[in-house]
Each structure stands twice: as structure tokens, then as C-alpha cells.
Amino acid sequence: MRAFVLPAARSTPVFAEVAAVPPADDEVTVRVEASSVNAFDLAVLDGRLRSLEHRYPVILGRDFAGVVTAAGAGVRRFAAGDRVFGMTARPYVGDGAFCEQLTVPAAAPDEATWMAALPDPIGMQDGGALATAAVAAVRAVTAMRPRPGWAALVVGASGGVGSYAVQLLARAGARVTAVTRTERGAAHLRDLGVHDVLTEAPAGRDLRYDVVLHLGGEVRRAAGCVVPGGRLVSLLHAGPADAGRPDVDVRSVLGRPDLGVLNDLAQDVAAGRLAVPRTDTFAFADLPAALRAVRAGTPGKVSVRMGKP
């Protein structure tokens, strides 16, 4: 099958033929119809995830949506023909989603499940731009514990995670302020319903926000915006010492999915309660251009239409 791979460390990604692996008893094979670019992909390309095992050639990509084509004997939740979405779930970097078909663990307990059914109202392109960023946003907003009327600041808001987070915070009743560095990002956030958009985080100790989500920029600057006793949540591995605010509850979270979160996200999208913030779509053959677009700051989610390149 065709895949977009990193042949070796510090190499240039290329399209290549790789062997398709049949599903084990606890796995399914998914024909990948859509994917999207995430910061994780850029981190792999840039060599910033060397602490994780890499199995070369590394197939890049994390999100997927598609159709189950085969199921192992031990799989009960999925069957051939099911529409599904999710994110790759291996404990190493290597078996990604930028390929024609993907083998996915599918017999794990609910709390360890990284794939769910994709409801019919959701198109494949939206399904392929949903899991990674939206799950991270759910985990972050849950850790923020916003209350109606609270002032919430999202720093680095125009990317995929931020685009979902501003919607979730607004649904929780928070008064959302978003920070982005570009006018295109600002326009994108306004399209998502954010009225208060800044081009940089407030300087100094502008203690106006009950909760802050740190997705980019200097964590100390973001922490300087939190009221005493407030909370700062970071997806960039920032801890209390990094923030320099002993009077602020600082938490670092990970975007690990489970079946309940994935199902809730799918139902919210299907019902129109949550918008998938896709802003551009590229063909599989144009994946290098999609990666360049994300590096250049394209806001929201950059989607990839899979198929033979």
C-alpha cells in the first residue's frame, strides 16, 4: 500500500510502498478515507519526540476516519462496513494514519479505546479532523473546570486544539478571550463565535482571568493573567515551577482518548453542538503542501483527503 513515511531519523518524508499488515485477533483493518495534520506530526518530523521509540520507516499521521474492511476473531465492537474515526494507538511512533489502510487495536476496554463509530451525519473529512485535537481540548477544558460567567483566556487559540477549546468553554458558560498572532487566526476564531480576540497575551500581572489554557507562547506570561487562586492548564508540559505563580493551580494534561469521550464528541458534532474547524483540505498526493500550510500558521484543522496519491 502507499504511505507517507519518514524513512530514517533526520530524513525527508516521502511516499513509499509498505506492506499491509492483516489484523490480529484483537484488531481491525480500516480503509483510511480522511486524515488531518496535527502538531504531533510536525514534532515527529522535527525530531522532538526522540524519547519515544521510532520504528522506521515511520508512517506519519495520527487522525483517521474510514471504513472497517476486516475484523479479528476477538473483536465484538466493530465489523466490516462500519464507519469509524479515531487516532493511532501504538506505544511507539511508526504505524501512523497517512496510508491507504491502517490496522487498529479494537478489543480493548472502553478506557483504552482509541477508535469509535462515526455517525452517518458526519462526513469523512470532518471525522478525520476530529479525534486528536478535540480529545485534547476536552481533557484541557475538563481540567480547567470553568463555571458560568468565569473569564477564560486561551493562549495559542487558533490551532486545532484551541479551535475546539473555545467552543467547549463557551458551551460551559465562560466568557472567552482568545489569543492568536495572525489576522487570519483572529478571523477564524471570530467565525467560531469568539468576540474578544487579542494578538498577544496581556502583559505583566493583568490578573483578569479565572482560568487560562496555555497552548503556545511563554507560560509565565500566560500565568501572569490568572487571578490569585485561579487555574492554568497547559498542554505543553508546563508545571508549577515553569509558571512561577505559587498562588495559581497549574496543571499539565495529556490528550488521551477513551470510548466515552470519542462517542460524546461524535454525538456533539452530529447534533451541531460542536463544529469541526476545518479550514483547508489537501489531497493525499499534496501532503507535503498540507504540512507546509500548518507550519505557516493556517488556523483550525488542515484536512487530508486520502486515496492513492
Protein backbone atom coordinates (compact mmCIF):
# COMPACT_ATOMS: atom_id res chain seq x y z
CA MET A 1 0.00 0.00 0.00
CA ARG A 2 1.01 3.61 -0.42
CA ALA A 3 2.03 5.55 2.68
CA PHE A 4 3.73 8.82 3.56
CA VAL A 5 6.78 7.85 5.58
CA LEU A 6 9.87 9.12 7.31
CA PRO A 7 12.49 6.60 6.07
CA ALA A 8 15.04 7.28 8.81
CA ALA A 9 15.91 9.79 11.53
CA ARG A 10 16.55 13.29 10.20
CA SER A 11 15.42 12.26 6.70
CA THR A 12 12.89 13.83 4.34
CA PRO A 13 9.39 12.27 4.27
CA VAL A 14 8.42 10.53 1.03
CA PHE A 15 5.64 8.43 -0.46
CA ALA A 16 6.55 4.76 -0.43
CA GLU A 17 5.11 1.27 -0.82
CA VAL A 18 4.85 -0.53 2.52
CA ALA A 19 3.44 -3.92 3.43
CA ALA A 20 -0.15 -4.01 4.63
CA VAL A 21 -0.45 -5.95 7.89
CA PRO A 22 -3.51 -8.21 8.40
CA PRO A 23 -5.41 -7.70 11.66
CA ALA A 24 -4.61 -9.80 14.69
CA ASP A 25 -7.45 -11.32 16.72
CA ASP A 26 -7.92 -8.07 18.67
CA GLU A 27 -7.55 -5.67 15.71
CA VAL A 28 -9.44 -4.33 12.73
CA THR A 29 -8.25 -3.08 9.37
CA VAL A 30 -9.55 0.34 8.35
CA ARG A 31 -9.55 1.72 4.82
CA VAL A 32 -8.44 5.27 5.55
CA GLU A 33 -10.55 7.86 3.74
CA ALA A 34 -9.59 11.03 5.62
CA SER A 35 -6.96 12.33 7.98
CA SER A 36 -5.57 15.68 9.14
CA VAL A 37 -2.31 17.29 10.18
CA ASN A 38 -1.51 17.69 13.88
CA ALA A 39 1.31 19.28 15.83
CA PHE A 40 2.35 15.71 16.69
CA ASP A 41 3.26 15.13 13.03
CA LEU A 42 5.49 18.20 12.94
CA ALA A 43 7.13 17.14 16.21
CA VAL A 44 8.00 13.75 14.69
CA LEU A 45 9.41 15.37 11.56
CA ASP A 46 11.45 17.83 13.63
CA GLY A 47 12.93 15.12 15.87
CA ARG A 48 11.30 16.48 19.01
CA LEU A 49 9.93 13.11 20.17
CA ARG A 50 13.18 11.18 20.47
CA SER A 51 12.15 9.91 23.90
CA LEU A 52 9.61 7.67 22.13
CA GLU A 53 10.60 4.53 20.25
CA HIS A 54 10.59 5.08 16.47
CA ARG A 55 10.09 2.14 14.11
CA TYR A 56 11.35 3.08 10.67
CA PRO A 57 10.09 3.65 8.13
CA VAL A 58 7.74 5.73 10.28
CA ILE A 59 4.31 6.12 8.72
CA LEU A 60 3.27 9.64 9.68
CA GLY A 61 -0.21 10.82 10.67
CA ARG A 62 -2.36 10.43 13.76
CA ASP A 63 -6.04 11.07 12.96
CA PHE A 64 -8.12 8.83 10.73
CA ALA A 65 -11.64 8.24 9.50
CA GLY A 66 -12.64 5.40 7.25
CA VAL A 67 -14.40 2.08 6.87
CA VAL A 68 -13.61 -1.22 8.58
CA THR A 69 -12.68 -3.82 5.96
CA ALA A 70 -11.72 -6.75 8.21
CA ALA A 71 -12.01 -7.63 11.90
CA GLY A 72 -10.06 -10.09 14.03
CA ALA A 73 -11.78 -13.05 15.70
CA GLY A 74 -11.75 -11.39 19.12
CA VAL A 75 -13.37 -8.11 18.03
CA ARG A 76 -17.01 -7.65 19.00
CA ARG A 77 -17.48 -3.88 18.84
CA PHE A 78 -16.77 -3.41 15.11
CA ALA A 79 -17.47 -5.30 11.89
CA ALA A 80 -16.65 -4.95 8.22
CA GLY A 81 -18.52 -2.00 6.71
CA ASP A 82 -18.60 0.11 9.90
CA ARG A 83 -17.73 3.79 9.55
CA VAL A 84 -15.16 4.71 12.22
CA PHE A 85 -12.86 7.51 13.36
CA GLY A 86 -10.08 7.80 15.89
CA MET A 87 -6.36 8.20 16.40
CA THR A 88 -3.43 5.81 16.19
CA ALA A 89 -2.80 3.96 19.43
CA ARG A 90 0.59 2.25 19.35
CA PRO A 91 3.10 2.76 22.21
CA TYR A 92 5.72 3.67 19.60
CA VAL A 93 5.96 6.04 16.64
CA GLY A 94 5.62 4.20 13.36
CA ASP A 95 2.16 2.96 12.45
CA GLY A 96 0.53 6.24 11.51
CA ALA A 97 -2.57 7.16 9.51
CA PHE A 98 -1.12 8.70 6.34
CA CYS A 99 -1.64 5.46 4.44
CA GLU A 100 -4.27 3.62 2.44
CA GLN A 101 -5.17 1.19 5.22
CA LEU A 102 -4.48 1.02 8.91
CA THR A 103 -4.55 -1.81 11.46
CA VAL A 104 -6.08 -0.63 14.74
CA PRO A 105 -6.45 -2.32 18.17
CA ALA A 106 -10.20 -2.73 18.65
CA ALA A 107 -10.86 -5.12 21.54
CA ALA A 108 -9.53 -3.01 24.42
CA PRO A 109 -11.64 -1.91 27.42
CA ASP A 110 -13.58 1.33 26.95
CA GLU A 111 -10.99 3.39 28.84
CA ALA A 112 -8.25 2.24 26.46
CA THR A 113 -10.18 2.53 23.20
CA TRP A 114 -8.85 4.99 20.61
CA MET A 115 -11.50 4.43 17.91
CA ALA A 116 -15.28 4.85 17.79
CA ALA A 117 -18.19 4.66 15.39
CA LEU A 118 -18.61 7.64 13.06
CA PRO A 119 -22.30 8.61 12.87
CA ASP A 120 -23.77 8.89 9.38
CA PRO A 121 -24.41 12.66 9.57
CA ILE A 122 -20.65 13.30 9.88
CA GLY A 123 -18.66 13.33 6.64
CA MET A 124 -15.36 11.51 6.43
CA GLN A 125 -13.33 14.72 6.17
CA ASP A 126 -14.82 16.01 9.42
CA GLY A 127 -14.28 12.62 11.05
CA GLY A 128 -10.63 12.67 10.03
CA ALA A 129 -10.12 16.06 11.70
CA LEU A 130 -11.82 15.24 14.98
CA ALA A 131 -10.04 12.89 17.35
CA THR A 132 -6.60 14.20 18.31
CA ALA A 133 -7.33 17.93 18.68
CA ALA A 134 -10.84 17.59 20.05
CA VAL A 135 -9.87 14.98 22.66
CA ALA A 136 -7.01 17.22 23.83
CA ALA A 137 -9.44 20.14 24.07
CA VAL A 138 -11.90 18.08 26.12
CA ARG A 139 -9.17 16.98 28.53
CA ALA A 140 -7.90 20.54 28.90
CA VAL A 141 -11.31 22.15 29.43
CA THR A 142 -12.27 19.41 31.90
CA ALA A 143 -9.12 20.21 33.90
CA MET A 144 -9.94 23.94 33.76
CA ARG A 145 -13.34 23.28 35.39
CA PRO A 146 -14.88 26.52 34.10
CA ARG A 147 -18.05 27.90 35.66
CA PRO A 148 -20.72 30.06 34.02
CA GLY A 149 -19.62 33.68 33.97
CA TRP A 150 -15.95 32.97 34.58
CA ALA A 151 -13.38 34.75 32.43
CA ALA A 152 -11.36 32.24 30.37
CA LEU A 153 -8.25 33.00 28.32
CA VAL A 154 -6.95 30.65 25.61
CA VAL A 155 -3.37 31.43 24.53
CA GLY A 156 -2.46 29.96 21.14
CA ALA A 157 -6.13 29.58 20.31
CA SER A 158 -6.27 29.42 16.53
CA GLY A 159 -4.84 25.91 16.08
CA GLY A 160 -6.86 22.70 16.14
CA VAL A 161 -6.95 22.24 19.92
CA GLY A 162 -7.73 25.89 20.57
CA SER A 163 -10.46 25.92 17.94
CA TYR A 164 -12.26 23.14 19.77
CA ALA A 165 -11.47 24.52 23.24
CA VAL A 166 -13.03 27.95 22.66
CA GLN A 167 -16.26 26.22 21.65
CA LEU A 168 -16.27 23.95 24.70
CA LEU A 169 -15.56 26.84 27.06
CA ALA A 170 -18.37 28.90 25.55
CA ARG A 171 -20.76 25.95 25.96
CA ALA A 172 -19.76 25.82 29.64
CA GLY A 173 -20.83 29.45 30.02
CA ALA A 174 -17.37 31.02 30.27
CA ARG A 175 -16.58 34.44 28.82
CA VAL A 176 -13.86 33.50 26.34
CA THR A 177 -10.91 35.62 25.26
CA ALA A 178 -8.63 34.09 22.61
CA VAL A 179 -5.04 34.96 21.72
CA THR A 180 -3.65 34.44 18.22
CA ARG A 181 -0.76 36.07 16.39
CA THR A 182 -2.32 36.46 12.94
CA GLU A 183 -5.28 38.26 11.44
CA ARG A 184 -6.30 35.08 9.66
CA GLY A 185 -6.32 33.31 13.00
CA ALA A 186 -8.38 36.11 14.51
CA ALA A 187 -10.93 35.91 11.69
CA HIS A 188 -11.13 32.14 12.14
CA LEU A 189 -11.81 32.49 15.88
CA ARG A 190 -14.47 35.11 15.28
CA ASP A 191 -16.13 32.70 12.85
CA LEU A 192 -16.26 30.23 15.75
CA GLY A 193 -18.11 32.81 17.85
CA VAL A 194 -15.26 34.32 19.87
CA HIS A 195 -15.83 38.06 20.20
CA ASP A 196 -12.78 39.02 22.26
CA VAL A 197 -9.65 38.20 20.25
CA LEU A 198 -6.17 39.52 21.12
CA THR A 199 -2.92 39.40 19.15
CA GLU A 200 -0.83 38.70 22.26
CA ALA A 201 -1.41 37.68 25.85
CA PRO A 202 -1.87 40.64 28.21
CA ALA A 203 1.48 41.81 29.53
CA GLY A 204 2.51 41.96 33.16
CA ARG A 205 0.31 40.86 36.00
CA ASP A 206 -3.00 41.63 34.35
CA LEU A 207 -4.96 39.41 36.73
CA ARG A 208 -8.28 39.24 34.93
CA TYR A 209 -8.85 35.58 34.11
CA ASP A 210 -10.22 32.83 36.33
CA VAL A 211 -8.88 30.08 34.08
CA VAL A 212 -6.19 30.11 31.38
CA LEU A 213 -5.42 27.47 28.76
CA HIS A 214 -1.79 27.57 27.65
CA LEU A 215 -1.34 26.23 24.10
CA GLY A 216 1.54 28.42 22.97
CA GLY A 217 3.91 31.21 23.95
CA GLU A 218 5.64 31.80 27.26
CA VAL A 219 3.93 30.06 30.14
CA ARG A 220 4.97 32.77 32.63
CA ARG A 221 3.26 35.41 30.54
CA ALA A 222 0.11 33.30 30.44
CA ALA A 223 0.32 32.65 34.18
CA GLY A 224 0.59 36.39 34.75
CA CYS A 225 -3.02 36.73 33.59
CA VAL A 226 -4.57 34.40 36.18
CA VAL A 227 -6.35 35.74 39.26
CA PRO A 228 -4.90 34.53 42.59
CA GLY A 229 -6.41 31.14 43.31
CA GLY A 230 -7.22 30.61 39.64
CA ARG A 231 -6.10 27.78 37.40
CA LEU A 232 -3.73 27.46 34.45
CA VAL A 233 -3.88 24.32 32.30
CA SER A 234 -1.09 23.55 29.83
CA LEU A 235 -0.82 21.04 27.01
CA LEU A 236 2.87 21.91 26.63
CA HIS A 237 4.15 20.04 29.71
CA ALA A 238 4.43 23.20 31.81
CA GLY A 239 4.34 22.73 35.56
CA PRO A 240 4.13 24.96 38.65
CA ALA A 241 7.84 25.80 38.59
CA ASP A 242 7.60 26.92 34.96
CA ALA A 243 4.67 29.21 35.67
CA GLY A 244 6.27 30.99 38.61
CA ARG A 245 2.91 31.56 40.33
CA PRO A 246 2.61 29.69 43.65
CA ASP A 247 -0.84 31.24 44.09
CA VAL A 248 -2.15 29.59 40.90
CA ASP A 249 -3.21 25.97 40.39
CA VAL A 250 -1.06 24.84 37.43
CA ARG A 251 -1.88 21.58 35.69
CA SER A 252 -0.39 19.78 32.71
CA VAL A 253 -2.72 17.43 30.83
CA LEU A 254 -2.46 14.83 28.07
CA GLY A 255 -4.95 14.26 25.27
CA ARG A 256 -5.53 10.54 25.83
CA PRO A 257 -8.90 9.36 24.48
CA ASP A 258 -11.36 6.76 25.65
CA LEU A 259 -14.56 5.42 24.11
CA GLY A 260 -16.82 7.72 26.12
CA VAL A 261 -15.01 10.90 25.04
CA LEU A 262 -14.92 9.84 21.39
CA ASN A 263 -18.62 8.92 21.40
CA ASP A 264 -19.57 12.22 23.07
CA LEU A 265 -17.58 14.20 20.52
CA ALA A 266 -19.19 12.34 17.62
CA GLN A 267 -22.67 12.95 19.00
CA ASP A 268 -21.95 16.64 19.58
CA VAL A 269 -20.73 17.07 16.01
CA ALA A 270 -23.62 15.09 14.56
CA ALA A 271 -26.13 17.21 16.52
CA GLY A 272 -24.49 20.51 15.51
CA ARG A 273 -23.35 21.37 19.03
CA LEU A 274 -19.67 21.32 18.05
CA ALA A 275 -18.16 22.47 14.77
CA VAL A 276 -15.20 20.70 13.20
CA PRO A 277 -12.93 23.69 12.45
CA ARG A 278 -11.61 22.56 9.05
CA THR A 279 -10.16 25.48 7.11
CA ASP A 280 -8.38 23.73 4.24
CA THR A 281 -8.32 20.31 2.58
CA PHE A 282 -5.48 18.71 0.62
CA ALA A 283 -5.33 15.54 -1.46
CA PHE A 284 -3.13 12.68 -0.22
CA ALA A 285 -0.70 13.47 -3.03
CA ASP A 286 -0.37 17.01 -1.68
CA LEU A 287 0.54 16.04 1.89
CA PRO A 288 3.85 17.95 1.79
CA ALA A 289 1.87 21.10 0.98
CA ALA A 290 -0.54 20.35 3.85
CA LEU A 291 2.38 20.11 6.27
CA ARG A 292 3.79 23.39 4.95
CA ALA A 293 0.40 25.04 5.41
CA VAL A 294 0.27 24.07 9.07
CA ARG A 295 3.84 25.25 9.62
CA ALA A 296 2.90 28.56 8.00
CA GLY A 297 0.14 29.07 10.56
CA THR A 298 -3.03 28.01 8.78
CA PRO A 299 -5.66 28.15 11.54
CA GLY A 300 -8.01 25.38 12.57
CA LYS A 301 -7.66 21.90 11.14
CA VAL A 302 -5.96 21.13 7.84
CA SER A 303 -7.68 18.06 6.43
CA VAL A 304 -6.25 15.38 4.12
CA ARG A 305 -8.42 13.55 1.60
CA MET A 306 -6.92 10.08 1.46
CA GLY A 307 -6.68 7.72 -1.52
CA LYS A 308 -3.94 6.85 -3.98
CA PRO A 309 -1.52 9.79 -4.29
